[in-house]
Amino acid sequence: MSRAFALITNLKQFPELFLVKISRCRMTTRRQLQFYEPNVPYCPGLVNSILEAVLKRKALCRPYSKIIKEAILALIKEEEGTIITEGEAVQFVIESIIEFEVFRLLLADERDTRGKSKCRKKIRDTALAMRKKRMSDEHHLPCSFVDDLLRTKNELLYAVLNCKC
């Protein structure tokens, strides 16, 4: 049995998305998940590297675990008719994390002014452009999700520090 993951959604016992790794070592099988069946989307194999990183690198991924799970759930619901690659899945998750970080960094007070939203858009666009350039320049190098996340966080910090808003 290869490694597989499932997300349990929309239950009173689990108000957030609950990530389940299906494996013999953890003594979790698909049969046990049938109890939650209408609310269990099984994750495709292309997101296994992302979810494995969430479980192994808890210190790095803990602030983003909810964002990652929601992005993967959106991918699962969106993917039903389309075919996506692992790179596109990683890109979607990283963009979701960038959106979250930019929103979190500029949320000093509750008021959302026009200036803040302009600054937020400028920072996000700068960080995404830097990531896109890095990915095109280094397309021949292998890059894991964790490495991509760390480098994207550094690029985002650079974009925030150099933003003239």
C-alpha atoms as a PDB file:
ATOM      1  CA  MET A   1       0.000   0.000   0.000  1.00  0.00           C
ATOM      2  CA  SER A   2       1.515   3.327  -1.017  1.00  0.00           C
ATOM      3  CA  ARG A   3       1.176   6.388   1.112  1.00  0.00           C
ATOM      4  CA  ALA A   4      -2.122   8.167   0.773  1.00  0.00           C
ATOM      5  CA  PHE A   5      -3.866  11.039   2.502  1.00  0.00           C
ATOM      6  CA  ALA A   6      -7.430  12.068   3.167  1.00  0.00           C
ATOM      7  CA  LEU A   7      -9.065  15.188   4.576  1.00  0.00           C
ATOM      8  CA  ILE A   8     -12.068  14.969   6.876  1.00  0.00           C
ATOM      9  CA  THR A   9     -14.310  18.009   6.409  1.00  0.00           C
ATOM     10  CA  ASN A  10     -17.489  19.624   7.728  1.00  0.00           C
ATOM     11  CA  LEU A  11     -18.009  17.703  10.932  1.00  0.00           C
ATOM     12  CA  LYS A  12     -18.808  19.008  14.396  1.00  0.00           C
ATOM     13  CA  GLN A  13     -15.993  16.926  15.898  1.00  0.00           C
ATOM     14  CA  PHE A  14     -13.460  18.451  13.487  1.00  0.00           C
ATOM     15  CA  PRO A  15     -14.225  22.160  12.990  1.00  0.00           C
ATOM     16  CA  GLU A  16     -11.060  22.520  10.891  1.00  0.00           C
ATOM     17  CA  LEU A  17      -9.900  20.237   8.140  1.00  0.00           C
ATOM     18  CA  PHE A  18      -8.409  17.109   9.657  1.00  0.00           C
ATOM     19  CA  LEU A  19      -5.520  15.494   7.783  1.00  0.00           C
ATOM     20  CA  VAL A  20      -5.299  11.704   7.922  1.00  0.00           C
ATOM     21  CA  LYS A  21      -2.360   9.683   6.652  1.00  0.00           C
ATOM     22  CA  ILE A  22      -3.469   6.254   5.512  1.00  0.00           C
ATOM     23  CA  SER A  23      -0.771   3.677   6.259  1.00  0.00           C
ATOM     24  CA  ARG A  24      -0.182   0.397   7.994  1.00  0.00           C
ATOM     25  CA  CYS A  25       2.332   1.963  10.367  1.00  0.00           C
ATOM     26  CA  ARG A  26      -0.312   4.320  11.707  1.00  0.00           C
ATOM     27  CA  MET A  27      -2.899   1.531  11.586  1.00  0.00           C
ATOM     28  CA  THR A  28      -5.265   3.659   9.550  1.00  0.00           C
ATOM     29  CA  THR A  29      -7.069   2.161   6.594  1.00  0.00           C
ATOM     30  CA  ARG A  30      -9.591   3.392   4.081  1.00  0.00           C
ATOM     31  CA  ARG A  31     -12.125   1.104   5.690  1.00  0.00           C
ATOM     32  CA  GLN A  32     -11.865   3.036   8.960  1.00  0.00           C
ATOM     33  CA  LEU A  33     -12.466   6.292   7.101  1.00  0.00           C
ATOM     34  CA  GLN A  34     -15.733   4.989   5.652  1.00  0.00           C
ATOM     35  CA  PHE A  35     -17.381   6.078   8.910  1.00  0.00           C
ATOM     36  CA  TYR A  36     -16.906   9.713   7.789  1.00  0.00           C
ATOM     37  CA  GLU A  37     -17.521   8.832   4.124  1.00  0.00           C
ATOM     38  CA  PRO A  38     -19.589  11.652   2.668  1.00  0.00           C
ATOM     39  CA  ASN A  39     -17.098  14.145   4.120  1.00  0.00           C
ATOM     40  CA  VAL A  40     -13.818  12.471   3.144  1.00  0.00           C
ATOM     41  CA  PRO A  41     -12.123  13.614  -0.057  1.00  0.00           C
ATOM     42  CA  TYR A  42      -9.088  11.434  -0.772  1.00  0.00           C
ATOM     43  CA  CYS A  43      -6.058  13.390  -1.895  1.00  0.00           C
ATOM     44  CA  PRO A  44      -4.504  12.604  -5.280  1.00  0.00           C
ATOM     45  CA  GLY A  45      -0.931  11.354  -5.356  1.00  0.00           C
ATOM     46  CA  LEU A  46       0.462  14.593  -6.715  1.00  0.00           C
ATOM     47  CA  VAL A  47      -0.028  16.406  -3.396  1.00  0.00           C
ATOM     48  CA  ASN A  48       1.615  13.691  -1.281  1.00  0.00           C
ATOM     49  CA  SER A  49       4.941  15.543  -1.129  1.00  0.00           C
ATOM     50  CA  ILE A  50       3.194  18.658   0.190  1.00  0.00           C
ATOM     51  CA  LEU A  51       1.208  16.787   2.827  1.00  0.00           C
ATOM     52  CA  GLU A  52       4.243  14.726   3.840  1.00  0.00           C
ATOM     53  CA  ALA A  53       6.079  18.003   4.473  1.00  0.00           C
ATOM     54  CA  VAL A  54       3.190  19.234   6.624  1.00  0.00           C
ATOM     55  CA  LEU A  55       3.492  16.132   8.800  1.00  0.00           C
ATOM     56  CA  LYS A  56       7.301  15.974   8.970  1.00  0.00           C
ATOM     57  CA  ARG A  57       8.266  19.669   9.145  1.00  0.00           C
ATOM     58  CA  LYS A  58       5.753  20.735  11.763  1.00  0.00           C
ATOM     59  CA  ALA A  59       7.693  23.777  12.974  1.00  0.00           C
ATOM     60  CA  LEU A  60       7.881  25.265   9.491  1.00  0.00           C
ATOM     61  CA  CYS A  61       4.390  24.337   8.301  1.00  0.00           C
ATOM     62  CA  ARG A  62       2.410  24.821  11.516  1.00  0.00           C
ATOM     63  CA  PRO A  63       1.454  28.463  10.846  1.00  0.00           C
ATOM     64  CA  TYR A  64       0.301  27.481   7.365  1.00  0.00           C
ATOM     65  CA  SER A  65      -1.247  24.062   7.947  1.00  0.00           C
ATOM     66  CA  LYS A  66      -4.816  25.357   7.711  1.00  0.00           C
ATOM     67  CA  ILE A  67      -3.988  27.363   4.566  1.00  0.00           C
ATOM     68  CA  ILE A  68      -2.282  24.350   2.964  1.00  0.00           C
ATOM     69  CA  LYS A  69      -5.191  22.034   3.734  1.00  0.00           C
ATOM     70  CA  GLU A  70      -7.756  24.514   2.395  1.00  0.00           C
ATOM     71  CA  ALA A  71      -5.717  25.052  -0.773  1.00  0.00           C
ATOM     72  CA  ILE A  72      -5.445  21.298  -1.341  1.00  0.00           C
ATOM     73  CA  LEU A  73      -9.172  20.872  -0.736  1.00  0.00           C
ATOM     74  CA  ALA A  74      -9.826  23.586  -3.329  1.00  0.00           C
ATOM     75  CA  LEU A  75      -7.480  21.744  -5.716  1.00  0.00           C
ATOM     76  CA  ILE A  76      -9.319  18.464  -5.163  1.00  0.00           C
ATOM     77  CA  LYS A  77     -12.686  20.060  -5.868  1.00  0.00           C
ATOM     78  CA  GLU A  78     -11.309  21.938  -8.878  1.00  0.00           C
ATOM     79  CA  GLU A  79      -9.344  18.983 -10.251  1.00  0.00           C
ATOM     80  CA  GLU A  80     -12.290  16.692 -10.948  1.00  0.00           C
ATOM     81  CA  GLY A  81     -12.494  17.670 -14.605  1.00  0.00           C
ATOM     82  CA  THR A  82      -8.942  18.863 -15.242  1.00  0.00           C
ATOM     83  CA  ILE A  83      -5.496  17.331 -15.076  1.00  0.00           C
ATOM     84  CA  ILE A  84      -2.887  19.241 -13.106  1.00  0.00           C
ATOM     85  CA  THR A  85       0.759  18.521 -12.380  1.00  0.00           C
ATOM     86  CA  GLU A  86       2.603  18.451  -9.086  1.00  0.00           C
ATOM     87  CA  GLY A  87       4.302  21.746  -9.970  1.00  0.00           C
ATOM     88  CA  GLU A  88       0.955  23.452 -10.505  1.00  0.00           C
ATOM     89  CA  ALA A  89      -0.291  22.093  -7.173  1.00  0.00           C
ATOM     90  CA  VAL A  90       2.794  23.402  -5.356  1.00  0.00           C
ATOM     91  CA  GLN A  91       2.406  26.760  -7.102  1.00  0.00           C
ATOM     92  CA  PHE A  92      -1.258  27.001  -6.038  1.00  0.00           C
ATOM     93  CA  VAL A  93      -0.401  26.203  -2.414  1.00  0.00           C
ATOM     94  CA  ILE A  94       2.545  28.634  -2.346  1.00  0.00           C
ATOM     95  CA  GLU A  95       0.376  31.414  -3.809  1.00  0.00           C
ATOM     96  CA  SER A  96      -2.205  30.769  -1.093  1.00  0.00           C
ATOM     97  CA  ILE A  97       0.515  31.067   1.549  1.00  0.00           C
ATOM     98  CA  ILE A  98       1.761  34.328  -0.005  1.00  0.00           C
ATOM     99  CA  GLU A  99      -1.782  35.742   0.083  1.00  0.00           C
ATOM    100  CA  PHE A 100      -2.096  34.764   3.753  1.00  0.00           C
ATOM    101  CA  GLU A 101       1.297  36.208   4.724  1.00  0.00           C
ATOM    102  CA  VAL A 102       0.711  39.517   2.933  1.00  0.00           C
ATOM    103  CA  PHE A 103      -2.685  39.854   4.570  1.00  0.00           C
ATOM    104  CA  ARG A 104      -1.246  38.966   7.990  1.00  0.00           C
ATOM    105  CA  LEU A 105       1.698  41.368   7.699  1.00  0.00           C
ATOM    106  CA  LEU A 106      -0.465  44.340   6.788  1.00  0.00           C
ATOM    107  CA  LEU A 107      -3.219  43.690   9.309  1.00  0.00           C
ATOM    108  CA  ALA A 108      -1.977  46.024  12.032  1.00  0.00           C
ATOM    109  CA  ASP A 109      -5.447  47.395  12.684  1.00  0.00           C
ATOM    110  CA  GLU A 110      -8.924  46.307  11.675  1.00  0.00           C
ATOM    111  CA  ARG A 111      -9.497  49.099   9.177  1.00  0.00           C
ATOM    112  CA  ASP A 112      -8.754  48.183   5.585  1.00  0.00           C
ATOM    113  CA  THR A 113      -7.884  51.380   3.790  1.00  0.00           C
ATOM    114  CA  ARG A 114      -7.345  51.874   0.094  1.00  0.00           C
ATOM    115  CA  GLY A 115      -3.637  52.480   0.717  1.00  0.00           C
ATOM    116  CA  LYS A 116      -3.261  49.184   2.525  1.00  0.00           C
ATOM    117  CA  SER A 117      -4.968  47.227  -0.215  1.00  0.00           C
ATOM    118  CA  LYS A 118      -2.725  48.917  -2.824  1.00  0.00           C
ATOM    119  CA  CYS A 119       0.344  48.110  -0.774  1.00  0.00           C
ATOM    120  CA  ARG A 120      -0.862  44.531  -0.244  1.00  0.00           C
ATOM    121  CA  LYS A 121      -1.341  44.083  -3.993  1.00  0.00           C
ATOM    122  CA  LYS A 122       2.066  45.582  -4.763  1.00  0.00           C
ATOM    123  CA  ILE A 123       3.855  43.311  -2.269  1.00  0.00           C
ATOM    124  CA  ARG A 124       1.990  40.243  -3.493  1.00  0.00           C
ATOM    125  CA  ASP A 125       2.738  41.003  -7.130  1.00  0.00           C
ATOM    126  CA  THR A 126       6.416  41.626  -6.355  1.00  0.00           C
ATOM    127  CA  ALA A 127       6.744  38.373  -4.418  1.00  0.00           C
ATOM    128  CA  LEU A 128       4.960  36.376  -7.134  1.00  0.00           C
ATOM    129  CA  ALA A 129       7.126  37.958  -9.845  1.00  0.00           C
ATOM    130  CA  MET A 130      10.286  37.092  -7.900  1.00  0.00           C
ATOM    131  CA  ARG A 131       9.110  33.506  -7.452  1.00  0.00           C
ATOM    132  CA  LYS A 132       8.205  33.210 -11.128  1.00  0.00           C
ATOM    133  CA  LYS A 133      11.630  34.501 -12.174  1.00  0.00           C
ATOM    134  CA  ARG A 134      13.371  32.134  -9.746  1.00  0.00           C
ATOM    135  CA  MET A 135      11.370  29.176 -11.027  1.00  0.00           C
ATOM    136  CA  SER A 136      12.158  30.005 -14.656  1.00  0.00           C
ATOM    137  CA  ASP A 137      15.869  30.569 -13.938  1.00  0.00           C
ATOM    138  CA  GLU A 138      16.221  27.394 -11.883  1.00  0.00           C
ATOM    139  CA  HIS A 139      13.784  25.125 -13.711  1.00  0.00           C
ATOM    140  CA  HIS A 140      16.480  22.486 -14.205  1.00  0.00           C
ATOM    141  CA  LEU A 141      17.179  22.136 -10.464  1.00  0.00           C
ATOM    142  CA  PRO A 142      15.050  19.862  -8.297  1.00  0.00           C
ATOM    143  CA  CYS A 143      13.148  21.763  -5.625  1.00  0.00           C
ATOM    144  CA  SER A 144      11.087  20.307  -2.807  1.00  0.00           C
ATOM    145  CA  PHE A 145       8.027  21.961  -1.333  1.00  0.00           C
ATOM    146  CA  VAL A 146       9.885  22.857   1.876  1.00  0.00           C
ATOM    147  CA  ASP A 147      12.761  24.510  -0.018  1.00  0.00           C
ATOM    148  CA  ASP A 148      10.290  26.400  -2.172  1.00  0.00           C
ATOM    149  CA  LEU A 149       8.377  27.551   0.912  1.00  0.00           C
ATOM    150  CA  LEU A 150      11.533  28.774   2.669  1.00  0.00           C
ATOM    151  CA  ARG A 151      12.788  30.668  -0.375  1.00  0.00           C
ATOM    152  CA  THR A 152       9.351  32.162  -1.015  1.00  0.00           C
ATOM    153  CA  LYS A 153       9.210  33.420   2.580  1.00  0.00           C
ATOM    154  CA  ASN A 154      12.592  35.109   2.083  1.00  0.00           C
ATOM    155  CA  GLU A 155      11.425  36.668  -1.183  1.00  0.00           C
ATOM    156  CA  LEU A 156       8.261  37.894   0.520  1.00  0.00           C
ATOM    157  CA  LEU A 157      10.283  39.446   3.343  1.00  0.00           C
ATOM    158  CA  TYR A 158      12.469  41.182   0.750  1.00  0.00           C
ATOM    159  CA  ALA A 159       9.371  42.487  -1.046  1.00  0.00           C
ATOM    160  CA  VAL A 160       7.927  43.816   2.222  1.00  0.00           C
ATOM    161  CA  LEU A 161      11.165  45.547   3.228  1.00  0.00           C
ATOM    162  CA  ASN A 162      11.609  47.146  -0.205  1.00  0.00           C
ATOM    163  CA  CYS A 163       7.994  48.213  -0.657  1.00  0.00           C
ATOM    164  CA  LYS A 164       7.587  51.965  -0.704  1.00  0.00           C
ATOM    165  CA  CYS A 165       3.987  52.238   0.415  1.00  0.00           C
END
